[in-house]
Structures are given as C-alpha cells and as structure tokens.
C-alpha cells in the first residue's frame, strides 16, 4: 500500500497545506505579491493618517502641534516608510546586512514612539497635569531606546555575528513588553478613573469605550510583537528578515502594526472641538 493511501484524510489535508505554504514561501512571484500587498496596506493607512491630520489642522490651526496632531503625523510617517520598504523589499537583499537591519528595525522603533505618545497623553490626563516631568520622561525613554538600538547597529556593523543579531531582537522584544505594560498600567488607570465619574457625565460612556478599546488593541499588539520577536531571535523558521517567509511576514505585520493602527485611527477619528479645547495641548 502506498504512503499516501495509508494516510488519513486529516493527514493528507495537513500535508497539502504544508506543501502549499512551502510553495508560496519559495515562489518569487508570491513573495513579491505579498510584500507589495503589505506595501499597499501600509500606504493606505498612511494616507488615512495624513487626511485626518489635515482635517485636524483645518479644524484647530491655532493650537499648533498638539498631541493629537503629532500622533497622526507619526502614523503617517511610520506607515509611509514601511510602505516604501516593502515596495523595494527584494532590492534590499543586495544591501549590506547592517542597512537591511536599519531599514527593517527603525520603523518598528518609530511605531513604539508613536504609541508611547498615547501613554504619555493618558498619564498626563490621569494626573490632571499636576505632576510635571512626564514629557521629559517620554523624551528620555525614547532617547535611551534609540541610543541602545544605534549602539547595537554599530556593534552589528563591526561584528555581524549571530549573537549580536539575537541581542538586537531581544532588545526589541523588551521594548515591546515595556510598551505593552505601559498601556496596561495607564490605560487601566484612566479607565478606572472614568468609571468613577457620575453616570450622567457627558461623554463618559464613549470615553470609557475609547480608552478600553485602544488599551486592549495596543496592549495586545505589543505583547504579540514581544512574543514573536523572541521566536524570531531563536527559531530560524520564525525569521522575519528573510525573503522566503512572506506569509509569516504578512500575518506578523498585519497583526502588530497595520490592523492596530487602522483600528486606533478609526476609534480616535473624532475631531477636536473648535473652541474651549482643553484635552489637546501643545507639546513643549
């Protein structure tokens, strides 16, 4: 009896699925299609963020660069850069290893900065702007994160060995875990604070939903990124920096950046009021 005939239906289906996955991963045509699909999705999110930024600027031009405007501008920038990177993903394989890592890792750090801005905003709301120093802490944390990453890039440039690459990926996982805990801490605190408001308070229910949804989305996406980067560091089958894992790349970037960004932009789509604005303040 042949091997295929001795296999059960479930085993045959699993074998066919594995073969399909393997065929797609090693097909140059499918690799390009998937990377270009990612580029299109990132480009779409970038355009949406830009349109929203223009709408906010037209609504409240007198307030300068508010937290809301900076958040949308960074979303436009991060997703735009990702889009360009995936358009030229195949060409990047001809670059030196260090430049490949910079082009793939830098937008991820910028994504961290973009959403850390929400944590800063929520922390200031929670303490009702009575405690100063949160903006300085935001800048300091970002400066330290970027300084460490640049040091790792320089180390990788000087000595491109596997332990340095693993260390760099573990660092990204640590940063992602830090961001996830930040959302859980300050998103949770703000949610509980809003729950204590009187039931008849205007906009209480909508703000509760907004904070709850954004906290859940951002905590989940950074936690998934943390776990995935750990696998990425130690398991070659989970490597995201190669061309022959396009399906893995598609679902990874869809779950940790594209979908969260799209949902958060949709949830925070409301424009600020023209006058009497208190919740949107310039960043000094």
C-alpha atoms as a PDB file:
ATOM      1  CA  UNK A   1       0.000   0.000   0.000  1.00  0.00           C
ATOM      2  CA  UNK A   2       1.396   3.446  -0.888  1.00  0.00           C
ATOM      3  CA  UNK A   3       2.232   6.002   1.789  1.00  0.00           C
ATOM      4  CA  UNK A   4      -0.402   8.494   0.586  1.00  0.00           C
ATOM      5  CA  UNK A   5      -3.155   5.855   0.699  1.00  0.00           C
ATOM      6  CA  UNK A   6      -2.203   4.838   4.228  1.00  0.00           C
ATOM      7  CA  UNK A   7      -2.552   8.407   5.461  1.00  0.00           C
ATOM      8  CA  UNK A   8      -5.837   9.579   6.947  1.00  0.00           C
ATOM      9  CA  UNK A   9      -7.837  12.483   5.442  1.00  0.00           C
ATOM     10  CA  UNK A  10      -6.632  14.898   8.145  1.00  0.00           C
ATOM     11  CA  UNK A  11      -3.009  13.986   7.473  1.00  0.00           C
ATOM     12  CA  UNK A  12      -3.475  14.465   3.729  1.00  0.00           C
ATOM     13  CA  UNK A  13      -5.016  17.904   4.255  1.00  0.00           C
ATOM     14  CA  UNK A  14      -2.194  18.868   6.623  1.00  0.00           C
ATOM     15  CA  UNK A  15       0.389  17.644   4.119  1.00  0.00           C
ATOM     16  CA  UNK A  16      -1.227  19.593   1.275  1.00  0.00           C
ATOM     17  CA  UNK A  17      -1.388  22.747   3.423  1.00  0.00           C
ATOM     18  CA  UNK A  18       2.277  22.398   4.339  1.00  0.00           C
ATOM     19  CA  UNK A  19       3.225  21.901   0.697  1.00  0.00           C
ATOM     20  CA  UNK A  20       1.177  24.964  -0.317  1.00  0.00           C
ATOM     21  CA  UNK A  21       2.826  27.052   2.418  1.00  0.00           C
ATOM     22  CA  UNK A  22       6.258  25.870   1.306  1.00  0.00           C
ATOM     23  CA  UNK A  23       5.499  26.534  -2.392  1.00  0.00           C
ATOM     24  CA  UNK A  24       4.332  30.085  -1.666  1.00  0.00           C
ATOM     25  CA  UNK A  25       7.318  30.819   0.559  1.00  0.00           C
ATOM     26  CA  UNK A  26       9.768  29.783  -2.148  1.00  0.00           C
ATOM     27  CA  UNK A  27       7.947  31.421  -5.053  1.00  0.00           C
ATOM     28  CA  UNK A  28       9.481  34.734  -6.134  1.00  0.00           C
ATOM     29  CA  UNK A  29       6.142  35.732  -7.671  1.00  0.00           C
ATOM     30  CA  UNK A  30       4.209  35.137  -4.441  1.00  0.00           C
ATOM     31  CA  UNK A  31       6.911  36.804  -2.370  1.00  0.00           C
ATOM     32  CA  UNK A  32       6.601  39.961  -4.468  1.00  0.00           C
ATOM     33  CA  UNK A  33       2.800  39.823  -4.398  1.00  0.00           C
ATOM     34  CA  UNK A  34       2.675  39.532  -0.615  1.00  0.00           C
ATOM     35  CA  UNK A  35       5.269  42.227   0.009  1.00  0.00           C
ATOM     36  CA  UNK A  36       3.504  44.563  -2.431  1.00  0.00           C
ATOM     37  CA  UNK A  37       0.193  43.818  -0.695  1.00  0.00           C
ATOM     38  CA  UNK A  38       1.807  44.851   2.588  1.00  0.00           C
ATOM     39  CA  UNK A  39       3.131  47.993   0.895  1.00  0.00           C
ATOM     40  CA  UNK A  40      -0.377  48.841  -0.348  1.00  0.00           C
ATOM     41  CA  UNK A  41      -1.936  48.305   3.093  1.00  0.00           C
ATOM     42  CA  UNK A  42       0.707  50.431   4.807  1.00  0.00           C
ATOM     43  CA  UNK A  43       0.268  53.096   2.140  1.00  0.00           C
ATOM     44  CA  UNK A  44      -3.491  53.143   2.727  1.00  0.00           C
ATOM     45  CA  UNK A  45      -3.071  53.571   6.495  1.00  0.00           C
ATOM     46  CA  UNK A  46      -0.515  56.315   5.881  1.00  0.00           C
ATOM     47  CA  UNK A  47      -2.905  58.215   3.596  1.00  0.00           C
ATOM     48  CA  UNK A  48      -5.750  57.899   6.134  1.00  0.00           C
ATOM     49  CA  UNK A  49      -3.487  59.290   8.890  1.00  0.00           C
ATOM     50  CA  UNK A  50      -2.452  62.191   6.637  1.00  0.00           C
ATOM     51  CA  UNK A  51      -6.060  63.016   5.735  1.00  0.00           C
ATOM     52  CA  UNK A  52      -7.021  63.008   9.406  1.00  0.00           C
ATOM     53  CA  UNK A  53      -4.023  65.219  10.246  1.00  0.00           C
ATOM     54  CA  UNK A  54      -5.095  67.756   7.592  1.00  0.00           C
ATOM     55  CA  UNK A  55      -8.685  67.683   8.913  1.00  0.00           C
ATOM     56  CA  UNK A  56      -7.481  68.348  12.470  1.00  0.00           C
ATOM     57  CA  UNK A  57      -5.206  71.179  11.301  1.00  0.00           C
ATOM     58  CA  UNK A  58      -8.069  72.793   9.414  1.00  0.00           C
ATOM     59  CA  UNK A  59     -10.286  72.445  12.490  1.00  0.00           C
ATOM     60  CA  UNK A  60      -7.886  73.858  15.105  1.00  0.00           C
ATOM     61  CA  UNK A  61      -4.952  75.582  13.340  1.00  0.00           C
ATOM     62  CA  UNK A  62      -4.447  77.965  16.264  1.00  0.00           C
ATOM     63  CA  UNK A  63      -3.275  75.271  18.683  1.00  0.00           C
ATOM     64  CA  UNK A  64      -0.038  74.356  16.916  1.00  0.00           C
ATOM     65  CA  UNK A  65       1.379  70.863  17.277  1.00  0.00           C
ATOM     66  CA  UNK A  66      -0.960  69.170  19.731  1.00  0.00           C
ATOM     67  CA  UNK A  67      -0.534  65.584  20.944  1.00  0.00           C
ATOM     68  CA  UNK A  68      -3.279  64.503  18.543  1.00  0.00           C
ATOM     69  CA  UNK A  69      -1.575  66.122  15.541  1.00  0.00           C
ATOM     70  CA  UNK A  70       1.842  64.654  16.379  1.00  0.00           C
ATOM     71  CA  UNK A  71       0.271  61.210  16.818  1.00  0.00           C
ATOM     72  CA  UNK A  72      -1.334  61.322  13.359  1.00  0.00           C
ATOM     73  CA  UNK A  73       1.815  62.747  11.764  1.00  0.00           C
ATOM     74  CA  UNK A  74       3.927  59.917  13.214  1.00  0.00           C
ATOM     75  CA  UNK A  75       1.376  57.375  11.996  1.00  0.00           C
ATOM     76  CA  UNK A  76       1.633  58.886   8.510  1.00  0.00           C
ATOM     77  CA  UNK A  77       5.430  58.779   8.667  1.00  0.00           C
ATOM     78  CA  UNK A  78       5.810  55.247  10.088  1.00  0.00           C
ATOM     79  CA  UNK A  79       3.317  53.633   7.723  1.00  0.00           C
ATOM     80  CA  UNK A  80       4.669  55.580   4.753  1.00  0.00           C
ATOM     81  CA  UNK A  81       8.223  54.394   5.403  1.00  0.00           C
ATOM     82  CA  UNK A  82       7.046  50.807   5.871  1.00  0.00           C
ATOM     83  CA  UNK A  83       5.194  51.032   2.549  1.00  0.00           C
ATOM     84  CA  UNK A  84       8.335  52.160   0.715  1.00  0.00           C
ATOM     85  CA  UNK A  85      10.430  49.450   2.420  1.00  0.00           C
ATOM     86  CA  UNK A  86       8.076  46.690   1.258  1.00  0.00           C
ATOM     87  CA  UNK A  87       7.901  48.087  -2.284  1.00  0.00           C
ATOM     88  CA  UNK A  88      11.673  47.623  -2.518  1.00  0.00           C
ATOM     89  CA  UNK A  89      11.902  44.588  -0.217  1.00  0.00           C
ATOM     90  CA  UNK A  90      13.584  42.356  -2.815  1.00  0.00           C
ATOM     91  CA  UNK A  91      16.129  45.028  -3.741  1.00  0.00           C
ATOM     92  CA  UNK A  92      17.076  45.393  -0.083  1.00  0.00           C
ATOM     93  CA  UNK A  93      18.617  41.915  -0.139  1.00  0.00           C
ATOM     94  CA  UNK A  94      21.503  43.411  -2.121  1.00  0.00           C
ATOM     95  CA  UNK A  95      22.257  45.916   0.666  1.00  0.00           C
ATOM     96  CA  UNK A  96      24.807  45.312   3.395  1.00  0.00           C
ATOM     97  CA  UNK A  97      23.394  43.418   6.388  1.00  0.00           C
ATOM     98  CA  UNK A  98      23.564  46.453   8.661  1.00  0.00           C
ATOM     99  CA  UNK A  99      21.495  48.614   6.283  1.00  0.00           C
ATOM    100  CA  UNK A 100      18.894  45.854   5.968  1.00  0.00           C
ATOM    101  CA  UNK A 101      18.505  45.777   9.743  1.00  0.00           C
ATOM    102  CA  UNK A 102      18.271  49.570   9.989  1.00  0.00           C
ATOM    103  CA  UNK A 103      15.553  49.751   7.307  1.00  0.00           C
ATOM    104  CA  UNK A 104      13.544  46.927   8.909  1.00  0.00           C
ATOM    105  CA  UNK A 105      14.028  47.905  12.572  1.00  0.00           C
ATOM    106  CA  UNK A 106      13.807  51.717  12.501  1.00  0.00           C
ATOM    107  CA  UNK A 107      10.093  51.894  11.538  1.00  0.00           C
ATOM    108  CA  UNK A 108       9.359  49.489  14.407  1.00  0.00           C
ATOM    109  CA  UNK A 109      11.065  51.856  16.861  1.00  0.00           C
ATOM    110  CA  UNK A 110       9.144  54.782  15.374  1.00  0.00           C
ATOM    111  CA  UNK A 111       5.937  52.755  15.862  1.00  0.00           C
ATOM    112  CA  UNK A 112       6.886  52.411  19.549  1.00  0.00           C
ATOM    113  CA  UNK A 113       7.407  56.192  19.804  1.00  0.00           C
ATOM    114  CA  UNK A 114       4.057  56.863  18.110  1.00  0.00           C
ATOM    115  CA  UNK A 115       2.056  54.787  20.555  1.00  0.00           C
ATOM    116  CA  UNK A 116       4.155  55.719  23.585  1.00  0.00           C
ATOM    117  CA  UNK A 117       2.789  59.192  22.898  1.00  0.00           C
ATOM    118  CA  UNK A 118      -0.681  57.877  23.779  1.00  0.00           C
ATOM    119  CA  UNK A 119       0.668  56.523  27.072  1.00  0.00           C
ATOM    120  CA  UNK A 120       2.146  59.965  27.816  1.00  0.00           C
ATOM    121  CA  UNK A 121      -1.176  61.614  26.983  1.00  0.00           C
ATOM    122  CA  UNK A 122      -3.105  59.263  29.247  1.00  0.00           C
ATOM    123  CA  UNK A 123      -0.611  59.643  32.110  1.00  0.00           C
ATOM    124  CA  UNK A 124      -0.988  63.433  31.968  1.00  0.00           C
ATOM    125  CA  UNK A 125      -4.791  63.153  31.915  1.00  0.00           C
ATOM    126  CA  UNK A 126      -4.756  60.711  34.838  1.00  0.00           C
ATOM    127  CA  UNK A 127      -2.707  63.089  36.970  1.00  0.00           C
ATOM    128  CA  UNK A 128      -4.614  66.097  35.568  1.00  0.00           C
ATOM    129  CA  UNK A 129      -1.355  67.796  34.555  1.00  0.00           C
ATOM    130  CA  UNK A 130      -0.488  68.334  38.247  1.00  0.00           C
ATOM    131  CA  UNK A 131       2.700  66.296  38.104  1.00  0.00           C
ATOM    132  CA  UNK A 132       5.281  67.675  35.719  1.00  0.00           C
ATOM    133  CA  UNK A 133       8.025  65.647  34.135  1.00  0.00           C
ATOM    134  CA  UNK A 134       6.042  63.167  32.049  1.00  0.00           C
ATOM    135  CA  UNK A 135       7.014  64.828  28.775  1.00  0.00           C
ATOM    136  CA  UNK A 136      10.651  64.808  29.883  1.00  0.00           C
ATOM    137  CA  UNK A 137      10.333  61.124  30.816  1.00  0.00           C
ATOM    138  CA  UNK A 138       8.848  60.399  27.380  1.00  0.00           C
ATOM    139  CA  UNK A 139      11.778  62.077  25.626  1.00  0.00           C
ATOM    140  CA  UNK A 140      14.323  60.426  27.930  1.00  0.00           C
ATOM    141  CA  UNK A 141      12.909  56.919  27.447  1.00  0.00           C
ATOM    142  CA  UNK A 142      12.861  57.348  23.678  1.00  0.00           C
ATOM    143  CA  UNK A 143      16.394  58.769  23.662  1.00  0.00           C
ATOM    144  CA  UNK A 144      17.662  55.780  25.669  1.00  0.00           C
ATOM    145  CA  UNK A 145      15.836  53.281  23.433  1.00  0.00           C
ATOM    146  CA  UNK A 146      17.217  54.809  20.235  1.00  0.00           C
ATOM    147  CA  UNK A 147      20.716  55.156  21.706  1.00  0.00           C
ATOM    148  CA  UNK A 148      20.813  51.470  22.666  1.00  0.00           C
ATOM    149  CA  UNK A 149      19.481  50.436  19.249  1.00  0.00           C
ATOM    150  CA  UNK A 150      22.077  52.581  17.446  1.00  0.00           C
ATOM    151  CA  UNK A 151      24.794  51.017  19.620  1.00  0.00           C
ATOM    152  CA  UNK A 152      23.526  47.548  18.646  1.00  0.00           C
ATOM    153  CA  UNK A 153      23.534  48.536  14.965  1.00  0.00           C
ATOM    154  CA  UNK A 154      27.126  49.763  15.248  1.00  0.00           C
ATOM    155  CA  UNK A 155      28.101  46.549  17.014  1.00  0.00           C
ATOM    156  CA  UNK A 156      26.414  44.552  14.249  1.00  0.00           C
ATOM    157  CA  UNK A 157      28.248  46.604  11.624  1.00  0.00           C
ATOM    158  CA  UNK A 158      31.569  45.986  13.382  1.00  0.00           C
ATOM    159  CA  UNK A 159      30.929  42.302  14.101  1.00  0.00           C
ATOM    160  CA  UNK A 160      27.953  40.771  12.210  1.00  0.00           C
ATOM    161  CA  UNK A 161      27.700  37.558  14.205  1.00  0.00           C
ATOM    162  CA  UNK A 162      24.503  35.691  15.255  1.00  0.00           C
ATOM    163  CA  UNK A 163      24.722  36.593  18.990  1.00  0.00           C
ATOM    164  CA  UNK A 164      24.567  40.315  18.140  1.00  0.00           C
ATOM    165  CA  UNK A 165      21.528  39.779  15.901  1.00  0.00           C
ATOM    166  CA  UNK A 166      19.839  37.777  18.674  1.00  0.00           C
ATOM    167  CA  UNK A 167      20.643  40.508  21.207  1.00  0.00           C
ATOM    168  CA  UNK A 168      19.121  43.150  18.915  1.00  0.00           C
ATOM    169  CA  UNK A 169      15.895  41.162  18.523  1.00  0.00           C
ATOM    170  CA  UNK A 170      15.650  40.506  22.267  1.00  0.00           C
ATOM    171  CA  UNK A 171      16.036  44.239  22.829  1.00  0.00           C
ATOM    172  CA  UNK A 172      13.070  44.928  20.510  1.00  0.00           C
ATOM    173  CA  UNK A 173      11.081  42.289  22.402  1.00  0.00           C
ATOM    174  CA  UNK A 174      11.931  44.021  25.691  1.00  0.00           C
ATOM    175  CA  UNK A 175      10.894  47.426  24.353  1.00  0.00           C
ATOM    176  CA  UNK A 176       7.611  45.935  23.115  1.00  0.00           C
ATOM    177  CA  UNK A 177       6.912  44.372  26.520  1.00  0.00           C
ATOM    178  CA  UNK A 178       7.643  47.726  28.181  1.00  0.00           C
ATOM    179  CA  UNK A 179       5.136  49.433  25.852  1.00  0.00           C
ATOM    180  CA  UNK A 180       2.505  46.749  26.500  1.00  0.00           C
ATOM    181  CA  UNK A 181       2.847  47.200  30.269  1.00  0.00           C
ATOM    182  CA  UNK A 182       2.654  50.988  29.844  1.00  0.00           C
ATOM    183  CA  UNK A 183      -0.679  50.679  28.065  1.00  0.00           C
ATOM    184  CA  UNK A 184      -1.946  48.217  30.660  1.00  0.00           C
ATOM    185  CA  UNK A 185      -0.911  50.495  33.542  1.00  0.00           C
ATOM    186  CA  UNK A 186      -2.049  53.926  32.358  1.00  0.00           C
ATOM    187  CA  UNK A 187      -4.875  52.737  30.110  1.00  0.00           C
ATOM    188  CA  UNK A 188      -6.213  50.699  33.014  1.00  0.00           C
ATOM    189  CA  UNK A 189      -5.837  53.573  35.470  1.00  0.00           C
ATOM    190  CA  UNK A 190      -7.582  56.023  33.153  1.00  0.00           C
ATOM    191  CA  UNK A 191     -10.369  53.509  32.514  1.00  0.00           C
ATOM    192  CA  UNK A 192     -10.957  53.051  36.264  1.00  0.00           C
ATOM    193  CA  UNK A 193     -10.847  56.808  36.805  1.00  0.00           C
ATOM    194  CA  UNK A 194     -13.507  57.370  34.123  1.00  0.00           C
ATOM    195  CA  UNK A 195     -15.672  54.676  35.713  1.00  0.00           C
ATOM    196  CA  UNK A 196     -15.772  56.737  38.911  1.00  0.00           C
ATOM    197  CA  UNK A 197     -17.294  59.693  37.066  1.00  0.00           C
ATOM    198  CA  UNK A 198     -21.047  60.249  37.567  1.00  0.00           C
ATOM    199  CA  UNK A 199     -23.155  58.138  35.214  1.00  0.00           C
ATOM    200  CA  UNK A 200     -24.790  61.258  33.790  1.00  0.00           C
ATOM    201  CA  UNK A 201     -21.393  62.826  32.894  1.00  0.00           C
ATOM    202  CA  UNK A 202     -21.358  63.932  29.269  1.00  0.00           C
ATOM    203  CA  UNK A 203     -19.348  61.636  27.038  1.00  0.00           C
ATOM    204  CA  UNK A 204     -18.430  59.266  29.908  1.00  0.00           C
ATOM    205  CA  UNK A 205     -19.606  56.096  28.164  1.00  0.00           C
ATOM    206  CA  UNK A 206     -17.948  56.996  24.860  1.00  0.00           C
ATOM    207  CA  UNK A 207     -14.627  57.829  26.545  1.00  0.00           C
ATOM    208  CA  UNK A 208     -14.765  54.569  28.508  1.00  0.00           C
ATOM    209  CA  UNK A 209     -15.190  52.617  25.281  1.00  0.00           C
ATOM    210  CA  UNK A 210     -12.456  54.605  23.545  1.00  0.00           C
ATOM    211  CA  UNK A 211      -9.882  54.068  26.309  1.00  0.00           C
ATOM    212  CA  UNK A 212     -10.899  50.423  26.780  1.00  0.00           C
ATOM    213  CA  UNK A 213     -10.665  49.568  23.081  1.00  0.00           C
ATOM    214  CA  UNK A 214      -7.368  51.395  22.493  1.00  0.00           C
ATOM    215  CA  UNK A 215      -5.786  49.884  25.622  1.00  0.00           C
ATOM    216  CA  UNK A 216      -6.807  46.364  24.599  1.00  0.00           C
ATOM    217  CA  UNK A 217      -5.629  46.798  20.995  1.00  0.00           C
ATOM    218  CA  UNK A 218      -2.265  48.356  21.838  1.00  0.00           C
ATOM    219  CA  UNK A 219      -1.513  46.014  24.753  1.00  0.00           C
ATOM    220  CA  UNK A 220      -2.290  43.016  22.538  1.00  0.00           C
ATOM    221  CA  UNK A 221      -0.249  44.172  19.539  1.00  0.00           C
ATOM    222  CA  UNK A 222       2.862  44.975  21.595  1.00  0.00           C
ATOM    223  CA  UNK A 223       2.563  41.706  23.514  1.00  0.00           C
ATOM    224  CA  UNK A 224       2.286  39.746  20.257  1.00  0.00           C
ATOM    225  CA  UNK A 225       5.316  41.638  18.919  1.00  0.00           C
ATOM    226  CA  UNK A 226       7.265  40.760  22.078  1.00  0.00           C
ATOM    227  CA  UNK A 227       6.449  37.046  21.825  1.00  0.00           C
ATOM    228  CA  UNK A 228       7.085  36.930  18.077  1.00  0.00           C
ATOM    229  CA  UNK A 229      10.447  38.686  18.377  1.00  0.00           C
ATOM    230  CA  UNK A 230      11.533  36.085  20.929  1.00  0.00           C
ATOM    231  CA  UNK A 231      10.691  33.314  18.449  1.00  0.00           C
ATOM    232  CA  UNK A 232      12.337  35.373  15.705  1.00  0.00           C
ATOM    233  CA  UNK A 233      15.554  35.554  17.717  1.00  0.00           C
ATOM    234  CA  UNK A 234      15.964  31.837  18.388  1.00  0.00           C
ATOM    235  CA  UNK A 235      13.991  29.988  15.708  1.00  0.00           C
ATOM    236  CA  UNK A 236      15.090  30.177  12.071  1.00  0.00           C
ATOM    237  CA  UNK A 237      11.620  29.067  10.982  1.00  0.00           C
ATOM    238  CA  UNK A 238      10.247  32.285  12.522  1.00  0.00           C
ATOM    239  CA  UNK A 239      12.837  34.596  10.935  1.00  0.00           C
ATOM    240  CA  UNK A 240      11.167  37.778   9.650  1.00  0.00           C
ATOM    241  CA  UNK A 241      14.252  39.263   7.986  1.00  0.00           C
ATOM    242  CA  UNK A 242      14.356  36.909   5.002  1.00  0.00           C
ATOM    243  CA  UNK A 243      12.505  36.849   1.688  1.00  0.00           C
ATOM    244  CA  UNK A 244      11.343  33.239   1.881  1.00  0.00           C
ATOM    245  CA  UNK A 245       8.926  33.794   4.796  1.00  0.00           C
ATOM    246  CA  UNK A 246       6.395  36.096   3.074  1.00  0.00           C
ATOM    247  CA  UNK A 247       3.277  34.549   4.651  1.00  0.00           C
ATOM    248  CA  UNK A 248       4.755  34.875   8.139  1.00  0.00           C
ATOM    249  CA  UNK A 249       5.710  38.482   7.358  1.00  0.00           C
ATOM    250  CA  UNK A 250       2.200  39.234   6.114  1.00  0.00           C
ATOM    251  CA  UNK A 251       0.408  37.987   9.225  1.00  0.00           C
ATOM    252  CA  UNK A 252       3.025  39.412  11.588  1.00  0.00           C
ATOM    253  CA  UNK A 253       2.903  42.956  10.228  1.00  0.00           C
ATOM    254  CA  UNK A 254      -0.860  42.748   9.742  1.00  0.00           C
ATOM    255  CA  UNK A 255      -1.406  41.836  13.409  1.00  0.00           C
ATOM    256  CA  UNK A 256       1.189  44.035  15.113  1.00  0.00           C
ATOM    257  CA  UNK A 257       1.094  47.220  13.011  1.00  0.00           C
ATOM    258  CA  UNK A 258      -1.438  47.501  10.177  1.00  0.00           C
ATOM    259  CA  UNK A 259      -4.579  46.274  11.954  1.00  0.00           C
ATOM    260  CA  UNK A 260      -3.842  48.036  15.292  1.00  0.00           C
ATOM    261  CA  UNK A 261      -3.033  51.319  13.510  1.00  0.00           C
ATOM    262  CA  UNK A 262      -6.197  51.111  11.419  1.00  0.00           C
ATOM    263  CA  UNK A 263      -8.399  50.378  14.424  1.00  0.00           C
ATOM    264  CA  UNK A 264      -6.864  53.088  16.618  1.00  0.00           C
ATOM    265  CA  UNK A 265      -7.138  55.695  13.854  1.00  0.00           C
ATOM    266  CA  UNK A 266     -10.796  54.737  13.422  1.00  0.00           C
ATOM    267  CA  UNK A 267     -11.512  54.887  17.163  1.00  0.00           C
ATOM    268  CA  UNK A 268      -9.741  58.266  17.530  1.00  0.00           C
ATOM    269  CA  UNK A 269     -11.283  59.721  14.372  1.00  0.00           C
ATOM    270  CA  UNK A 270     -13.347  62.344  16.207  1.00  0.00           C
ATOM    271  CA  UNK A 271     -12.177  65.897  15.534  1.00  0.00           C
ATOM    272  CA  UNK A 272     -11.477  68.220  18.481  1.00  0.00           C
ATOM    273  CA  UNK A 273     -13.981  70.991  19.182  1.00  0.00           C
ATOM    274  CA  UNK A 274     -13.216  74.364  17.616  1.00  0.00           C
ATOM    275  CA  UNK A 275     -13.315  76.269  20.882  1.00  0.00           C
ATOM    276  CA  UNK A 276     -12.965  75.547  24.549  1.00  0.00           C
ATOM    277  CA  UNK A 277     -10.490  72.756  23.869  1.00  0.00           C
ATOM    278  CA  UNK A 278      -8.711  71.533  26.968  1.00  0.00           C
ATOM    279  CA  UNK A 279      -7.744  67.969  26.231  1.00  0.00           C
ATOM    280  CA  UNK A 280      -5.456  68.800  23.296  1.00  0.00           C
ATOM    281  CA  UNK A 281      -2.432  70.778  24.360  1.00  0.00           C
ATOM    282  CA  UNK A 282       0.802  71.775  22.637  1.00  0.00           C
ATOM    283  CA  UNK A 283       3.851  69.629  23.254  1.00  0.00           C
ATOM    284  CA  UNK A 284       6.673  71.681  24.740  1.00  0.00           C
END
